[in-house]
Amino acid sequence: RLTHDTLDNVFFPTRGESAELTLGYYRNRL
């Protein structure tokens, strides 16, 4: 996971930037 967050407000932001990238490799069983 790579995360970047410089937002001044999460709901009413006026500056900054937010980005998150998540990569996973999973073995799933149902």
Full PDB file with SEQRES, HELIX, SHEET, SSBOND, CRYST1, ORIGX, SCALE, CONECT and MASTER records, all heavy atoms in Angstrom:
SEQRES   1 A   30  ARG LEU THR HIS ASP THR LEU ASP ASN VAL PHE PHE PRO          
SEQRES   2 A   30  THR ARG GLY GLU SER ALA GLU LEU THR LEU GLY TYR TYR          
SEQRES   3 A   30  ARG ASN ARG LEU                                              
SHEET    1 AA1 2 LEU A   2  ASP A   5  0                                        
SHEET    2 AA1 2 SER A  18  LEU A  21 -1                                        
CRYST1    1.000    1.000    1.000  90.00  90.00  90.00 P 1           1          
ORIGX1      1.000000  0.000000  0.000000        0.00000                         
ORIGX2      0.000000  1.000000  0.000000        0.00000                         
ORIGX3      0.000000  0.000000  1.000000        0.00000                         
SCALE1      1.000000  0.000000  0.000000        0.00000                         
SCALE2      0.000000  1.000000  0.000000        0.00000                         
SCALE3      0.000000  0.000000  1.000000        0.00000                         
ATOM      1  N   ARG A   1       0.837  -1.202   0.000  1.00  0.00           N  
ATOM      2  CA  ARG A   1       0.000   0.000   0.000  1.00  0.00           C  
ATOM      3  C   ARG A   1       0.870   1.251   0.000  1.00  0.00           C  
ATOM      4  O   ARG A   1       1.808   1.364   0.792  1.00  0.00           O  
ATOM      5  CB  ARG A   1      -0.924   0.026   1.218  1.00  0.00           C  
ATOM      6  CG  ARG A   1      -1.922   1.186   1.193  1.00  0.00           C  
ATOM      7  CD  ARG A   1      -2.765   1.251   2.454  1.00  0.00           C  
ATOM      8  NE  ARG A   1      -1.970   1.606   3.628  1.00  0.00           N  
ATOM      9  CZ  ARG A   1      -1.650   0.764   4.603  1.00  0.00           C  
ATOM     10  NH1 ARG A   1      -2.066  -0.494   4.570  1.00  0.00           N  
ATOM     11  NH2 ARG A   1      -0.913   1.167   5.625  1.00  0.00           N  
ATOM     12  N   LEU A   2       0.538   2.178  -0.868  1.00  0.00           N  
ATOM     13  CA  LEU A   2       1.199   3.484  -0.924  1.00  0.00           C  
ATOM     14  C   LEU A   2       0.145   4.551  -0.665  1.00  0.00           C  
ATOM     15  O   LEU A   2      -0.877   4.613  -1.370  1.00  0.00           O  
ATOM     16  CB  LEU A   2       1.849   3.699  -2.292  1.00  0.00           C  
ATOM     17  CG  LEU A   2       2.532   5.051  -2.517  1.00  0.00           C  
ATOM     18  CD1 LEU A   2       3.700   5.229  -1.557  1.00  0.00           C  
ATOM     19  CD2 LEU A   2       3.005   5.183  -3.962  1.00  0.00           C  
ATOM     20  N   THR A   3       0.378   5.395   0.354  1.00  0.00           N  
ATOM     21  CA  THR A   3      -0.608   6.398   0.762  1.00  0.00           C  
ATOM     22  C   THR A   3       0.034   7.769   0.836  1.00  0.00           C  
ATOM     23  O   THR A   3       1.161   7.915   1.318  1.00  0.00           O  
ATOM     24  CB  THR A   3      -1.210   6.049   2.142  1.00  0.00           C  
ATOM     25  OG1 THR A   3      -1.674   4.699   2.130  1.00  0.00           O  
ATOM     26  CG2 THR A   3      -2.362   6.974   2.476  1.00  0.00           C  
ATOM     27  N   HIS A   4      -0.702   8.766   0.361  1.00  0.00           N  
ATOM     28  CA  HIS A   4      -0.258  10.163   0.404  1.00  0.00           C  
ATOM     29  C   HIS A   4      -1.470  11.012   0.745  1.00  0.00           C  
ATOM     30  O   HIS A   4      -2.539  10.861   0.133  1.00  0.00           O  
ATOM     31  CB  HIS A   4       0.318  10.567  -0.958  1.00  0.00           C  
ATOM     32  CG  HIS A   4       0.591  12.038  -1.088  1.00  0.00           C  
ATOM     33  ND1 HIS A   4       1.801  12.599  -0.723  1.00  0.00           N  
ATOM     34  CD2 HIS A   4      -0.181  13.068  -1.530  1.00  0.00           C  
ATOM     35  CE1 HIS A   4       1.759  13.903  -0.945  1.00  0.00           C  
ATOM     36  NE2 HIS A   4       0.569  14.210  -1.438  1.00  0.00           N  
ATOM     37  N   ASP A   5      -1.342  11.916   1.721  1.00  0.00           N  
ATOM     38  CA  ASP A   5      -2.485  12.743   2.131  1.00  0.00           C  
ATOM     39  C   ASP A   5      -1.985  14.052   2.722  1.00  0.00           C  
ATOM     40  O   ASP A   5      -1.413  14.082   3.803  1.00  0.00           O  
ATOM     41  CB  ASP A   5      -3.332  11.998   3.163  1.00  0.00           C  
ATOM     42  CG  ASP A   5      -4.638  12.724   3.493  1.00  0.00           C  
ATOM     43  OD1 ASP A   5      -4.773  13.904   3.134  1.00  0.00           O  
ATOM     44  OD2 ASP A   5      -5.517  12.099   4.108  1.00  0.00           O  
ATOM     45  N   THR A   6      -2.228  15.141   1.996  1.00  0.00           N  
ATOM     46  CA  THR A   6      -1.892  16.479   2.497  1.00  0.00           C  
ATOM     47  C   THR A   6      -3.117  17.384   2.541  1.00  0.00           C  
ATOM     48  O   THR A   6      -2.988  18.600   2.609  1.00  0.00           O  
ATOM     49  CB  THR A   6      -0.819  17.130   1.606  1.00  0.00           C  
ATOM     50  OG1 THR A   6      -1.283  17.156   0.251  1.00  0.00           O  
ATOM     51  CG2 THR A   6       0.492  16.377   1.681  1.00  0.00           C  
ATOM     52  N   LEU A   7      -4.317  16.810   2.506  1.00  0.00           N  
ATOM     53  CA  LEU A   7      -5.541  17.612   2.525  1.00  0.00           C  
ATOM     54  C   LEU A   7      -5.658  18.382   3.833  1.00  0.00           C  
ATOM     55  O   LEU A   7      -5.344  17.866   4.912  1.00  0.00           O  
ATOM     56  CB  LEU A   7      -6.771  16.719   2.356  1.00  0.00           C  
ATOM     57  CG  LEU A   7      -6.928  15.984   1.026  1.00  0.00           C  
ATOM     58  CD1 LEU A   7      -8.159  15.092   1.069  1.00  0.00           C  
ATOM     59  CD2 LEU A   7      -7.014  16.970  -0.127  1.00  0.00           C  
ATOM     60  N   ASP A   8      -6.152  19.613   3.746  1.00  0.00           N  
ATOM     61  CA  ASP A   8      -6.368  20.396   4.956  1.00  0.00           C  
ATOM     62  C   ASP A   8      -7.681  20.039   5.633  1.00  0.00           C  
ATOM     63  O   ASP A   8      -7.871  20.316   6.815  1.00  0.00           O  
ATOM     64  CB  ASP A   8      -6.325  21.900   4.642  1.00  0.00           C  
ATOM     65  CG  ASP A   8      -7.390  22.318   3.644  1.00  0.00           C  
ATOM     66  OD1 ASP A   8      -7.836  21.470   2.840  1.00  0.00           O  
ATOM     67  OD2 ASP A   8      -7.782  23.502   3.650  1.00  0.00           O  
ATOM     68  N   ASN A   9      -8.601  19.415   4.896  1.00  0.00           N  
ATOM     69  CA  ASN A   9      -9.903  19.037   5.444  1.00  0.00           C  
ATOM     70  C   ASN A   9     -10.410  17.879   4.609  1.00  0.00           C  
ATOM     71  O   ASN A   9     -10.402  17.945   3.384  1.00  0.00           O  
ATOM     72  CB  ASN A   9     -10.868  20.227   5.386  1.00  0.00           C  
ATOM     73  CG  ASN A   9     -12.197  19.951   6.077  1.00  0.00           C  
ATOM     74  OD1 ASN A   9     -12.845  18.942   5.837  1.00  0.00           O  
ATOM     75  ND2 ASN A   9     -12.609  20.877   6.925  1.00  0.00           N  
ATOM     76  N   VAL A  10     -10.835  16.805   5.246  1.00  0.00           N  
ATOM     77  CA  VAL A  10     -11.218  15.629   4.485  1.00  0.00           C  
ATOM     78  C   VAL A  10     -12.586  15.773   3.839  1.00  0.00           C  
ATOM     79  O   VAL A  10     -12.881  15.116   2.831  1.00  0.00           O  
ATOM     80  CB  VAL A  10     -11.175  14.371   5.381  1.00  0.00           C  
ATOM     81  CG1 VAL A  10     -12.288  14.385   6.419  1.00  0.00           C  
ATOM     82  CG2 VAL A  10     -11.226  13.095   4.545  1.00  0.00           C  
ATOM     83  N   PHE A  11     -13.461  16.642   4.370  1.00  0.00           N  
ATOM     84  CA  PHE A  11     -14.804  16.792   3.826  1.00  0.00           C  
ATOM     85  C   PHE A  11     -14.974  18.059   2.991  1.00  0.00           C  
ATOM     86  O   PHE A  11     -15.706  18.054   2.004  1.00  0.00           O  
ATOM     87  CB  PHE A  11     -15.828  16.786   4.967  1.00  0.00           C  
ATOM     88  CG  PHE A  11     -15.835  15.510   5.744  1.00  0.00           C  
ATOM     89  CD1 PHE A  11     -15.302  15.454   7.018  1.00  0.00           C  
ATOM     90  CD2 PHE A  11     -16.354  14.348   5.196  1.00  0.00           C  
ATOM     91  CE1 PHE A  11     -15.295  14.269   7.742  1.00  0.00           C  
ATOM     92  CE2 PHE A  11     -16.354  13.159   5.901  1.00  0.00           C  
ATOM     93  CZ  PHE A  11     -15.816  13.116   7.178  1.00  0.00           C  
ATOM     94  N   PHE A  12     -14.323  19.137   3.384  1.00  0.00           N  
ATOM     95  CA  PHE A  12     -14.395  20.395   2.637  1.00  0.00           C  
ATOM     96  C   PHE A  12     -12.973  20.879   2.341  1.00  0.00           C  
ATOM     97  O   PHE A  12     -12.557  21.927   2.799  1.00  0.00           O  
ATOM     98  CB  PHE A  12     -15.161  21.458   3.431  1.00  0.00           C  
ATOM     99  CG  PHE A  12     -16.588  21.091   3.728  1.00  0.00           C  
ATOM    100  CD1 PHE A  12     -16.931  20.502   4.937  1.00  0.00           C  
ATOM    101  CD2 PHE A  12     -17.587  21.329   2.799  1.00  0.00           C  
ATOM    102  CE1 PHE A  12     -18.247  20.156   5.220  1.00  0.00           C  
ATOM    103  CE2 PHE A  12     -18.904  20.987   3.069  1.00  0.00           C  
ATOM    104  CZ  PHE A  12     -19.242  20.396   4.276  1.00  0.00           C  
ATOM    105  N   PRO A  13     -12.203  20.095   1.589  1.00  0.00           N  
ATOM    106  CA  PRO A  13     -10.802  20.462   1.350  1.00  0.00           C  
ATOM    107  C   PRO A  13     -10.680  21.682   0.447  1.00  0.00           C  
ATOM    108  O   PRO A  13     -11.505  21.907  -0.447  1.00  0.00           O  
ATOM    109  CB  PRO A  13     -10.235  19.221   0.675  1.00  0.00           C  
ATOM    110  CG  PRO A  13     -11.406  18.603  -0.021  1.00  0.00           C  
ATOM    111  CD  PRO A  13     -12.578  18.867   0.879  1.00  0.00           C  
ATOM    112  N   THR A  14      -9.638  22.471   0.670  1.00  0.00           N  
ATOM    113  CA  THR A  14      -9.323  23.603  -0.200  1.00  0.00           C  
ATOM    114  C   THR A  14      -7.906  23.515  -0.746  1.00  0.00           C  
ATOM    115  O   THR A  14      -7.579  24.190  -1.714  1.00  0.00           O  
ATOM    116  CB  THR A  14      -9.485  24.937   0.554  1.00  0.00           C  
ATOM    117  OG1 THR A  14      -8.598  24.953   1.683  1.00  0.00           O  
ATOM    118  CG2 THR A  14     -10.921  25.133   1.016  1.00  0.00           C  
ATOM    119  N   ARG A  15      -7.057  22.698  -0.140  1.00  0.00           N  
ATOM    120  CA  ARG A  15      -5.689  22.530  -0.627  1.00  0.00           C  
ATOM    121  C   ARG A  15      -5.182  21.142  -0.256  1.00  0.00           C  
ATOM    122  O   ARG A  15      -5.732  20.468   0.609  1.00  0.00           O  
ATOM    123  CB  ARG A  15      -4.763  23.601  -0.047  1.00  0.00           C  
ATOM    124  CG  ARG A  15      -4.575  23.539   1.447  1.00  0.00           C  
ATOM    125  CD  ARG A  15      -3.616  24.602   1.960  1.00  0.00           C  
ATOM    126  NE  ARG A  15      -3.366  24.472   3.384  1.00  0.00           N  
ATOM    127  CZ  ARG A  15      -4.101  25.007   4.339  1.00  0.00           C  
ATOM    128  NH1 ARG A  15      -5.152  25.735   4.016  1.00  0.00           N  
ATOM    129  NH2 ARG A  15      -3.789  24.830   5.612  1.00  0.00           N  
ATOM    130  N   GLY A  16      -4.105  20.748  -0.935  1.00  0.00           N  
ATOM    131  CA  GLY A  16      -3.525  19.443  -0.679  1.00  0.00           C  
ATOM    132  C   GLY A  16      -3.965  18.413  -1.707  1.00  0.00           C  
ATOM    133  O   GLY A  16      -4.584  18.728  -2.733  1.00  0.00           O  
ATOM    134  N   GLU A  17      -3.681  17.172  -1.410  1.00  0.00           N  
ATOM    135  CA  GLU A  17      -4.014  16.072  -2.313  1.00  0.00           C  
ATOM    136  C   GLU A  17      -4.041  14.786  -1.513  1.00  0.00           C  
ATOM    137  O   GLU A  17      -3.332  14.641  -0.520  1.00  0.00           O  
ATOM    138  CB  GLU A  17      -2.977  15.979  -3.434  1.00  0.00           C  
ATOM    139  CG  GLU A  17      -3.313  14.984  -4.523  1.00  0.00           C  
ATOM    140  CD  GLU A  17      -2.312  15.052  -5.668  1.00  0.00           C  
ATOM    141  OE1 GLU A  17      -1.183  15.547  -5.439  1.00  0.00           O  
ATOM    142  OE2 GLU A  17      -2.650  14.612  -6.783  1.00  0.00           O  
ATOM    143  N   SER A  18      -4.874  13.852  -1.939  1.00  0.00           N  
ATOM    144  CA  SER A  18      -4.963  12.559  -1.277  1.00  0.00           C  
ATOM    145  C   SER A  18      -4.950  11.462  -2.336  1.00  0.00           C  
ATOM    146  O   SER A  18      -5.658  11.554  -3.342  1.00  0.00           O  
ATOM    147  CB  SER A  18      -6.245  12.464  -0.447  1.00  0.00           C  
ATOM    148  OG  SER A  18      -6.390  11.170   0.105  1.00  0.00           O  
ATOM    149  N   ALA A  19      -4.130  10.442  -2.113  1.00  0.00           N  
ATOM    150  CA  ALA A  19      -4.063   9.315  -3.036  1.00  0.00           C  
ATOM    151  C   ALA A  19      -3.666   8.065  -2.265  1.00  0.00           C  
ATOM    152  O   ALA A  19      -2.836   8.125  -1.352  1.00  0.00           O  
ATOM    153  CB  ALA A  19      -3.062   9.579  -4.155  1.00  0.00           C  
ATOM    154  N   GLU A  20      -4.288   6.947  -2.624  1.00  0.00           N  
ATOM    155  CA  GLU A  20      -3.936   5.667  -2.007  1.00  0.00           C  
ATOM    156  C   GLU A  20      -4.056   4.564  -3.044  1.00  0.00           C  
ATOM    157  O   GLU A  20      -5.086   4.428  -3.703  1.00  0.00           O  
ATOM    158  CB  GLU A  20      -4.822   5.367  -0.811  1.00  0.00           C  
ATOM    159  CG  GLU A  20      -4.438   4.079  -0.088  1.00  0.00           C  
ATOM    160  CD  GLU A  20      -5.132   3.933   1.256  1.00  0.00           C  
ATOM    161  OE1 GLU A  20      -4.642   4.520   2.237  1.00  0.00           O  
ATOM    162  OE2 GLU A  20      -6.171   3.247   1.297  1.00  0.00           O  
ATOM    163  N   LEU A  21      -3.002   3.795  -3.172  1.00  0.00           N  
ATOM    164  CA  LEU A  21      -2.970   2.651  -4.081  1.00  0.00           C  
ATOM    165  C   LEU A  21      -2.646   1.411  -3.263  1.00  0.00           C  
ATOM    166  O   LEU A  21      -1.636   1.368  -2.547  1.00  0.00           O  
ATOM    167  CB  LEU A  21      -1.910   2.858  -5.167  1.00  0.00           C  
ATOM    168  CG  LEU A  21      -1.662   1.670  -6.103  1.00  0.00           C  
ATOM    169  CD1 LEU A  21      -2.908   1.341  -6.919  1.00  0.00           C  
ATOM    170  CD2 LEU A  21      -0.466   1.931  -6.999  1.00  0.00           C  
ATOM    171  N   THR A  22      -3.509   0.385  -3.380  1.00  0.00           N  
ATOM    172  CA  THR A  22      -3.311  -0.867  -2.663  1.00  0.00           C  
ATOM    173  C   THR A  22      -3.322  -2.014  -3.661  1.00  0.00           C  
ATOM    174  O   THR A  22      -4.251  -2.133  -4.473  1.00  0.00           O  
ATOM    175  CB  THR A  22      -4.410  -1.097  -1.609  1.00  0.00           C  
ATOM    176  OG1 THR A  22      -4.454   0.025  -0.723  1.00  0.00           O  
ATOM    177  CG2 THR A  22      -4.133  -2.358  -0.810  1.00  0.00           C  
ATOM    178  N   LEU A  23      -2.297  -2.855  -3.595  1.00  0.00           N  
ATOM    179  CA  LEU A  23      -2.195  -4.041  -4.433  1.00  0.00           C  
ATOM    180  C   LEU A  23      -2.025  -5.253  -3.532  1.00  0.00           C  
ATOM    181  O   LEU A  23      -1.169  -5.255  -2.634  1.00  0.00           O  
ATOM    182  CB  LEU A  23      -1.003  -3.940  -5.381  1.00  0.00           C  
ATOM    183  CG  LEU A  23      -1.004  -2.777  -6.382  1.00  0.00           C  
ATOM    184  CD1 LEU A  23       0.328  -2.730  -7.127  1.00  0.00           C  
ATOM    185  CD2 LEU A  23      -2.161  -2.902  -7.359  1.00  0.00           C  
ATOM    186  N   GLY A  24      -2.855  -6.269  -3.754  1.00  0.00           N  
ATOM    187  CA  GLY A  24      -2.745  -7.483  -2.960  1.00  0.00           C  
ATOM    188  C   GLY A  24      -2.901  -8.718  -3.830  1.00  0.00           C  
ATOM    189  O   GLY A  24      -3.583  -8.680  -4.866  1.00  0.00           O  
ATOM    190  N   TYR A  25      -2.269  -9.784  -3.427  1.00  0.00           N  
ATOM    191  CA  TYR A  25      -2.430 -11.057  -4.134  1.00  0.00           C  
ATOM    192  C   TYR A  25      -2.931 -12.066  -3.104  1.00  0.00           C  
ATOM    193  O   TYR A  25      -2.214 -12.445  -2.168  1.00  0.00           O  
ATOM    194  CB  TYR A  25      -1.121 -11.529  -4.751  1.00  0.00           C  
ATOM    195  CG  TYR A  25      -1.318 -12.716  -5.661  1.00  0.00           C  
ATOM    196  CD1 TYR A  25      -1.739 -12.536  -6.975  1.00  0.00           C  
ATOM    197  CD2 TYR A  25      -1.106 -14.013  -5.193  1.00  0.00           C  
ATOM    198  CE1 TYR A  25      -1.931 -13.632  -7.820  1.00  0.00           C  
ATOM    199  CE2 TYR A  25      -1.300 -15.113  -6.020  1.00  0.00           C  
ATOM    200  CZ  TYR A  25      -1.718 -14.912  -7.333  1.00  0.00           C  
ATOM    201  OH  TYR A  25      -1.924 -15.990  -8.163  1.00  0.00           O  
ATOM    202  N   TYR A  26      -4.203 -12.512  -3.285  1.00  0.00           N  
ATOM    203  CA  TYR A  26      -4.855 -13.318  -2.267  1.00  0.00           C  
ATOM    204  C   TYR A  26      -5.310 -14.659  -2.835  1.00  0.00           C  
ATOM    205  O   TYR A  26      -5.722 -14.768  -4.005  1.00  0.00           O  
ATOM    206  CB  TYR A  26      -6.073 -12.582  -1.703  1.00  0.00           C  
ATOM    207  CG  TYR A  26      -5.733 -11.262  -1.037  1.00  0.00           C  
ATOM    208  CD1 TYR A  26      -6.020 -10.057  -1.665  1.00  0.00           C  
ATOM    209  CD2 TYR A  26      -5.114 -11.240   0.200  1.00  0.00           C  
ATOM    210  CE1 TYR A  26      -5.703  -8.837  -1.062  1.00  0.00           C  
ATOM    211  CE2 TYR A  26      -4.793 -10.037   0.811  1.00  0.00           C  
ATOM    212  CZ  TYR A  26      -5.087  -8.844   0.174  1.00  0.00           C  
ATOM    213  OH  TYR A  26      -4.759  -7.654   0.769  1.00  0.00           O  
ATOM    214  N   ARG A  27      -5.242 -15.648  -1.964  1.00  0.00           N  
ATOM    215  CA  ARG A  27      -5.815 -16.964  -2.269  1.00  0.00           C  
ATOM    216  C   ARG A  27      -7.132 -17.057  -1.513  1.00  0.00           C  
ATOM    217  O   ARG A  27      -7.151 -17.054  -0.284  1.00  0.00           O  
ATOM    218  CB  ARG A  27      -4.853 -18.083  -1.850  1.00  0.00           C  
ATOM    219  CG  ARG A  27      -5.403 -19.486  -2.108  1.00  0.00           C  
ATOM    220  CD  ARG A  27      -4.385 -20.557  -1.742  1.00  0.00           C  
ATOM    221  NE  ARG A  27      -4.927 -21.895  -1.912  1.00  0.00           N  
ATOM    222  CZ  ARG A  27      -4.982 -22.542  -3.082  1.00  0.00           C  
ATOM    223  NH1 ARG A  27      -4.511 -21.955  -4.170  1.00  0.00           N  
ATOM    224  NH2 ARG A  27      -5.476 -23.770  -3.160  1.00  0.00           N  
ATOM    225  N   ASN A  28      -8.231 -17.122  -2.256  1.00  0.00           N  
ATOM    226  CA  ASN A  28      -9.573 -17.109  -1.676  1.00  0.00           C  
ATOM    227  C   ASN A  28     -10.219 -18.491  -1.796  1.00  0.00           C  
ATOM    228  O   ASN A  28     -10.100 -19.163  -2.834  1.00  0.00           O  
ATOM    229  CB  ASN A  28     -10.464 -16.096  -2.404  1.00  0.00           C  
ATOM    230  CG  ASN A  28      -9.887 -14.694  -2.358  1.00  0.00           C  
ATOM    231  OD1 ASN A  28      -9.210 -14.322  -1.403  1.00  0.00           O  
ATOM    232  ND2 ASN A  28     -10.138 -13.912  -3.392  1.00  0.00           N  
ATOM    233  N   ARG A  29     -10.913 -18.891  -0.741  1.00  0.00           N  
ATOM    234  CA  ARG A  29     -11.645 -20.164  -0.756  1.00  0.00           C  
ATOM    235  C   ARG A  29     -13.074 -19.946  -0.302  1.00  0.00           C  
ATOM    236  O   ARG A  29     -13.311 -19.335   0.743  1.00  0.00           O  
ATOM    237  CB  ARG A  29     -10.953 -21.183   0.156  1.00  0.00           C  
ATOM    238  CG  ARG A  29     -11.612 -22.567   0.078  1.00  0.00           C  
ATOM    239  CD  ARG A  29     -10.825 -23.631   0.814  1.00  0.00           C  
ATOM    240  NE  ARG A  29     -11.124 -23.677   2.229  1.00  0.00           N  
ATOM    241  CZ  ARG A  29     -10.285 -23.374   3.191  1.00  0.00           C  
ATOM    242  NH1 ARG A  29      -9.055 -22.952   2.894  1.00  0.00           N  
ATOM    243  NH2 ARG A  29     -10.635 -23.461   4.466  1.00  0.00           N  
ATOM    244  N   LEU A  30     -14.017 -20.425  -1.094  1.00  0.00           N  
ATOM    245  CA  LEU A  30     -15.436 -20.368  -0.762  1.00  0.00           C  
ATOM    246  C   LEU A  30     -15.956 -21.782  -0.563  1.00  0.00           C  
ATOM    247  O   LEU A  30     -15.693 -22.676  -1.390  1.00  0.00           O  
ATOM    248  CB  LEU A  30     -16.238 -19.685  -1.874  1.00  0.00           C  
ATOM    249  CG  LEU A  30     -16.019 -18.183  -2.065  1.00  0.00           C  
ATOM    250  CD1 LEU A  30     -16.836 -17.680  -3.242  1.00  0.00           C  
ATOM    251  CD2 LEU A  30     -16.385 -17.416  -0.806  1.00  0.00           C  
TER     252      LEU A  30                                                      
MASTER        0    0    0    0    2    0    0    6  251    1    0    3          
END                                                                             
